[in-house]
Amino acid sequence: MIVTTEELVQSKDGQIDFEFEEDFEEINLVSPAKVKLTVSRTGGGFINVRGKVVAQLNAVCDNCLKDFIYEIESDIDENYAESTLYPEYKEETEIKDGFFAIDMNGSGKIDLSDLIYQSLILSVPNKLVCDINCMGGELSKYIKNDLPDPRLEIFKKIKTEKE
């Protein structure tokens, strides 16, 4: 889904609310992601996209290899600069401390689908587990948990004043 600066200019109060569902072939979602966004002109040549994405991902536990559904709930808060910020192209720039803006490079278009895709991908942790206490099920018998590090043996010989 694309939103243009012309649509924002023509909208009431320079703000457009979106509520839709989006599906991505690259992400194994249970059902399309539910998206609720507000795109608004904030003044000074900046556009703010703020909202929330909720989705369910078909996942495989990294510990026990069982299939499970991982819930994703991601907040979106991105700023875009309508006009080019620098003569040399930089995609994202820190305008002031903690305020970043993505340079639209004069295109006048914001790809909301790409923003949602990035938000979903960045919300998935590196290690997916079906339960915080998952020990690996059948796989746990093949994992040795008591592997002492021989380099740390020296610390067992240290005596403290109380001893």
C-alpha atoms as a PDB file:
ATOM      1  CA  MET A   1       0.000   0.000   0.000  1.00  0.00           C
ATOM      2  CA  ILE A   2       1.348   3.376  -1.037  1.00  0.00           C
ATOM      3  CA  VAL A   3       0.397   6.731   0.473  1.00  0.00           C
ATOM      4  CA  THR A   4       1.382   9.963  -1.260  1.00  0.00           C
ATOM      5  CA  THR A   5       2.004  13.462   0.033  1.00  0.00           C
ATOM      6  CA  GLU A   6      -0.781  14.678  -2.296  1.00  0.00           C
ATOM      7  CA  GLU A   7      -3.276  12.472  -0.446  1.00  0.00           C
ATOM      8  CA  LEU A   8      -2.091  13.952   2.855  1.00  0.00           C
ATOM      9  CA  VAL A   9      -2.401  17.526   1.589  1.00  0.00           C
ATOM     10  CA  GLN A  10      -5.956  16.872   0.367  1.00  0.00           C
ATOM     11  CA  SER A  11      -7.007  15.063   3.568  1.00  0.00           C
ATOM     12  CA  LYS A  12      -8.744  16.678   6.487  1.00  0.00           C
ATOM     13  CA  ASP A  13      -6.201  18.000   9.024  1.00  0.00           C
ATOM     14  CA  GLY A  14      -3.316  16.514   7.007  1.00  0.00           C
ATOM     15  CA  GLN A  15      -3.947  13.092   8.514  1.00  0.00           C
ATOM     16  CA  ILE A  16      -5.126   9.740   7.133  1.00  0.00           C
ATOM     17  CA  ASP A  17      -6.090   6.718   9.224  1.00  0.00           C
ATOM     18  CA  PHE A  18      -5.620   3.232   7.793  1.00  0.00           C
ATOM     19  CA  GLU A  19      -6.978  -0.050   9.069  1.00  0.00           C
ATOM     20  CA  PHE A  20      -6.353  -3.064   6.845  1.00  0.00           C
ATOM     21  CA  GLU A  21      -4.901  -6.563   6.629  1.00  0.00           C
ATOM     22  CA  GLU A  22      -1.682  -7.372   4.790  1.00  0.00           C
ATOM     23  CA  ASP A  23      -0.210 -10.743   3.866  1.00  0.00           C
ATOM     24  CA  PHE A  24       3.403 -11.412   2.885  1.00  0.00           C
ATOM     25  CA  GLU A  25       4.605 -14.437   0.903  1.00  0.00           C
ATOM     26  CA  GLU A  26       8.063 -14.179   2.467  1.00  0.00           C
ATOM     27  CA  ILE A  27       6.721 -14.545   6.029  1.00  0.00           C
ATOM     28  CA  ASN A  28       4.882 -17.699   7.084  1.00  0.00           C
ATOM     29  CA  LEU A  29       1.868 -16.013   8.719  1.00  0.00           C
ATOM     30  CA  VAL A  30      -1.167 -17.899  10.037  1.00  0.00           C
ATOM     31  CA  SER A  31      -3.464 -15.189   8.667  1.00  0.00           C
ATOM     32  CA  PRO A  32      -2.870 -11.709   7.232  1.00  0.00           C
ATOM     33  CA  ALA A  33      -1.341  -9.193   9.639  1.00  0.00           C
ATOM     34  CA  LYS A  34      -3.789  -6.688  11.110  1.00  0.00           C
ATOM     35  CA  VAL A  35      -2.533  -3.140  10.635  1.00  0.00           C
ATOM     36  CA  LYS A  36      -3.764   0.109  12.166  1.00  0.00           C
ATOM     37  CA  LEU A  37      -1.783   3.198  11.111  1.00  0.00           C
ATOM     38  CA  THR A  38      -2.105   6.970  11.210  1.00  0.00           C
ATOM     39  CA  VAL A  39      -0.132   8.938   8.629  1.00  0.00           C
ATOM     40  CA  SER A  40       0.099  12.650   9.393  1.00  0.00           C
ATOM     41  CA  ARG A  41       2.010  15.752   8.402  1.00  0.00           C
ATOM     42  CA  THR A  42       3.822  17.039  11.478  1.00  0.00           C
ATOM     43  CA  GLY A  43       5.084  20.320  10.051  1.00  0.00           C
ATOM     44  CA  GLY A  44       8.535  21.385   9.012  1.00  0.00           C
ATOM     45  CA  GLY A  45       8.343  19.102   5.970  1.00  0.00           C
ATOM     46  CA  PHE A  46       8.030  15.875   7.960  1.00  0.00           C
ATOM     47  CA  ILE A  47       5.492  13.052   7.845  1.00  0.00           C
ATOM     48  CA  ASN A  48       4.903  10.699  10.769  1.00  0.00           C
ATOM     49  CA  VAL A  49       3.622   7.133  10.438  1.00  0.00           C
ATOM     50  CA  ARG A  50       2.423   5.732  13.746  1.00  0.00           C
ATOM     51  CA  GLY A  51       0.442   2.636  14.625  1.00  0.00           C
ATOM     52  CA  LYS A  52       0.465  -1.038  15.430  1.00  0.00           C
ATOM     53  CA  VAL A  53       0.827  -4.354  13.598  1.00  0.00           C
ATOM     54  CA  VAL A  54      -0.506  -7.608  15.053  1.00  0.00           C
ATOM     55  CA  ALA A  55       0.238 -10.974  13.450  1.00  0.00           C
ATOM     56  CA  GLN A  56       0.631 -14.671  14.150  1.00  0.00           C
ATOM     57  CA  LEU A  57       3.640 -16.489  12.745  1.00  0.00           C
ATOM     58  CA  ASN A  58       3.865 -20.225  12.056  1.00  0.00           C
ATOM     59  CA  ALA A  59       7.122 -21.084  13.804  1.00  0.00           C
ATOM     60  CA  VAL A  60       9.279 -24.044  14.801  1.00  0.00           C
ATOM     61  CA  CYS A  61      10.754 -24.186  18.306  1.00  0.00           C
ATOM     62  CA  ASP A  62      14.555 -23.970  18.198  1.00  0.00           C
ATOM     63  CA  ASN A  63      14.797 -26.257  21.255  1.00  0.00           C
ATOM     64  CA  CYS A  64      12.305 -29.086  20.659  1.00  0.00           C
ATOM     65  CA  LEU A  65      11.524 -28.617  16.923  1.00  0.00           C
ATOM     66  CA  LYS A  66       7.746 -28.579  17.517  1.00  0.00           C
ATOM     67  CA  ASP A  67       5.481 -26.328  15.475  1.00  0.00           C
ATOM     68  CA  PHE A  68       3.829 -23.471  17.362  1.00  0.00           C
ATOM     69  CA  ILE A  69       2.265 -20.082  16.737  1.00  0.00           C
ATOM     70  CA  TYR A  70       4.330 -17.029  17.699  1.00  0.00           C
ATOM     71  CA  GLU A  71       2.379 -13.839  18.425  1.00  0.00           C
ATOM     72  CA  ILE A  72       3.859 -10.625  17.026  1.00  0.00           C
ATOM     73  CA  GLU A  73       2.706  -7.231  18.246  1.00  0.00           C
ATOM     74  CA  SER A  74       4.822  -4.405  16.911  1.00  0.00           C
ATOM     75  CA  ASP A  75       4.533  -0.643  17.368  1.00  0.00           C
ATOM     76  CA  ILE A  76       5.439   1.568  14.421  1.00  0.00           C
ATOM     77  CA  ASP A  77       6.691   5.138  14.742  1.00  0.00           C
ATOM     78  CA  GLU A  78       8.599   6.395  11.691  1.00  0.00           C
ATOM     79  CA  ASN A  79       9.327   9.888  10.409  1.00  0.00           C
ATOM     80  CA  TYR A  80       9.829  10.800   6.763  1.00  0.00           C
ATOM     81  CA  ALA A  81      11.293  13.978   5.268  1.00  0.00           C
ATOM     82  CA  GLU A  82       9.236  15.215   2.318  1.00  0.00           C
ATOM     83  CA  SER A  83      12.106  16.999   0.587  1.00  0.00           C
ATOM     84  CA  THR A  84      15.707  15.944   0.182  1.00  0.00           C
ATOM     85  CA  LEU A  85      17.730  16.630   3.322  1.00  0.00           C
ATOM     86  CA  TYR A  86      21.213  16.420   1.813  1.00  0.00           C
ATOM     87  CA  PRO A  87      22.568  16.785  -1.722  1.00  0.00           C
ATOM     88  CA  GLU A  88      24.263  13.391  -1.341  1.00  0.00           C
ATOM     89  CA  TYR A  89      21.638  10.717  -0.741  1.00  0.00           C
ATOM     90  CA  LYS A  90      21.373   9.248   2.755  1.00  0.00           C
ATOM     91  CA  GLU A  91      18.437   6.962   3.472  1.00  0.00           C
ATOM     92  CA  GLU A  92      18.042   7.748   7.188  1.00  0.00           C
ATOM     93  CA  THR A  93      19.355  10.811   9.006  1.00  0.00           C
ATOM     94  CA  GLU A  94      19.341  11.934  12.625  1.00  0.00           C
ATOM     95  CA  ILE A  95      17.812  15.412  12.551  1.00  0.00           C
ATOM     96  CA  LYS A  96      18.290  16.135  16.238  1.00  0.00           C
ATOM     97  CA  ASP A  97      19.086  13.961  19.231  1.00  0.00           C
ATOM     98  CA  GLY A  98      16.835  10.889  18.998  1.00  0.00           C
ATOM     99  CA  PHE A  99      14.783  12.170  16.039  1.00  0.00           C
ATOM    100  CA  PHE A 100      15.492  10.179  12.900  1.00  0.00           C
ATOM    101  CA  ALA A 101      13.896  10.771   9.514  1.00  0.00           C
ATOM    102  CA  ILE A 102      13.875   8.658   6.387  1.00  0.00           C
ATOM    103  CA  ASP A 103      14.606  10.751   3.315  1.00  0.00           C
ATOM    104  CA  MET A 104      11.855  10.356   0.715  1.00  0.00           C
ATOM    105  CA  ASN A 105      14.288  11.929  -1.742  1.00  0.00           C
ATOM    106  CA  GLY A 106      11.491  14.002  -3.264  1.00  0.00           C
ATOM    107  CA  SER A 107       9.466  10.965  -4.413  1.00  0.00           C
ATOM    108  CA  GLY A 108       6.334  11.957  -2.479  1.00  0.00           C
ATOM    109  CA  LYS A 109       5.460   8.316  -1.770  1.00  0.00           C
ATOM    110  CA  ILE A 110       5.645   6.158   1.348  1.00  0.00           C
ATOM    111  CA  ASP A 111       5.464   2.381   0.935  1.00  0.00           C
ATOM    112  CA  LEU A 112       3.468   1.256   3.977  1.00  0.00           C
ATOM    113  CA  SER A 113       3.761  -2.416   2.975  1.00  0.00           C
ATOM    114  CA  ASP A 114       7.553  -2.239   3.183  1.00  0.00           C
ATOM    115  CA  LEU A 115       7.351  -0.499   6.556  1.00  0.00           C
ATOM    116  CA  ILE A 116       5.026  -3.215   7.894  1.00  0.00           C
ATOM    117  CA  TYR A 117       7.258  -5.976   6.491  1.00  0.00           C
ATOM    118  CA  GLN A 118      10.333  -4.487   8.187  1.00  0.00           C
ATOM    119  CA  SER A 119       8.466  -4.110  11.465  1.00  0.00           C
ATOM    120  CA  LEU A 120       7.350  -7.750  11.429  1.00  0.00           C
ATOM    121  CA  ILE A 121      10.782  -9.119  10.526  1.00  0.00           C
ATOM    122  CA  LEU A 122      12.507  -7.066  13.223  1.00  0.00           C
ATOM    123  CA  SER A 123       9.983  -8.259  15.838  1.00  0.00           C
ATOM    124  CA  VAL A 124      10.908 -11.927  15.432  1.00  0.00           C
ATOM    125  CA  PRO A 125      13.598 -12.932  17.951  1.00  0.00           C
ATOM    126  CA  ASN A 126      16.767 -14.748  16.885  1.00  0.00           C
ATOM    127  CA  LYS A 127      15.785 -17.801  18.910  1.00  0.00           C
ATOM    128  CA  LEU A 128      12.151 -18.901  18.812  1.00  0.00           C
ATOM    129  CA  VAL A 129      11.000 -21.161  21.644  1.00  0.00           C
ATOM    130  CA  CYS A 130       7.515 -22.568  22.190  1.00  0.00           C
ATOM    131  CA  ASP A 131       7.731 -22.013  25.947  1.00  0.00           C
ATOM    132  CA  ILE A 132      10.214 -20.169  28.125  1.00  0.00           C
ATOM    133  CA  ASN A 133      10.818 -23.428  30.027  1.00  0.00           C
ATOM    134  CA  CYS A 134      11.247 -25.615  26.926  1.00  0.00           C
ATOM    135  CA  MET A 135      14.216 -27.906  27.515  1.00  0.00           C
ATOM    136  CA  GLY A 136      14.208 -29.538  24.104  1.00  0.00           C
ATOM    137  CA  GLY A 137      11.922 -32.550  24.559  1.00  0.00           C
ATOM    138  CA  GLU A 138      13.461 -35.609  22.877  1.00  0.00           C
ATOM    139  CA  LEU A 139      16.474 -33.569  21.758  1.00  0.00           C
ATOM    140  CA  SER A 140      17.554 -32.849  25.345  1.00  0.00           C
ATOM    141  CA  LYS A 141      19.004 -36.346  25.803  1.00  0.00           C
ATOM    142  CA  TYR A 142      21.575 -35.548  23.097  1.00  0.00           C
ATOM    143  CA  ILE A 143      22.654 -32.268  24.665  1.00  0.00           C
ATOM    144  CA  LYS A 144      25.283 -32.312  27.381  1.00  0.00           C
ATOM    145  CA  ASN A 145      24.593 -29.579  29.895  1.00  0.00           C
ATOM    146  CA  ASP A 146      27.452 -30.291  32.277  1.00  0.00           C
ATOM    147  CA  LEU A 147      30.452 -29.390  30.180  1.00  0.00           C
ATOM    148  CA  PRO A 148      32.894 -27.753  32.584  1.00  0.00           C
ATOM    149  CA  ASP A 149      35.246 -25.254  31.090  1.00  0.00           C
ATOM    150  CA  PRO A 150      38.809 -26.372  31.978  1.00  0.00           C
ATOM    151  CA  ARG A 151      39.984 -22.762  31.903  1.00  0.00           C
ATOM    152  CA  LEU A 152      37.764 -21.990  34.909  1.00  0.00           C
ATOM    153  CA  GLU A 153      39.133 -24.796  37.133  1.00  0.00           C
ATOM    154  CA  ILE A 154      41.695 -22.395  38.627  1.00  0.00           C
ATOM    155  CA  PHE A 155      38.887 -20.449  40.301  1.00  0.00           C
ATOM    156  CA  LYS A 156      37.864 -23.493  42.371  1.00  0.00           C
ATOM    157  CA  LYS A 157      41.240 -23.327  44.142  1.00  0.00           C
ATOM    158  CA  ILE A 158      40.914 -19.691  45.248  1.00  0.00           C
ATOM    159  CA  LYS A 159      40.554 -19.328  49.000  1.00  0.00           C
ATOM    160  CA  THR A 160      38.764 -16.412  50.618  1.00  0.00           C
ATOM    161  CA  GLU A 161      39.488 -14.862  54.018  1.00  0.00           C
ATOM    162  CA  LYS A 162      36.551 -16.639  55.676  1.00  0.00           C
ATOM    163  CA  GLU A 163      37.949 -20.070  54.828  1.00  0.00           C
END
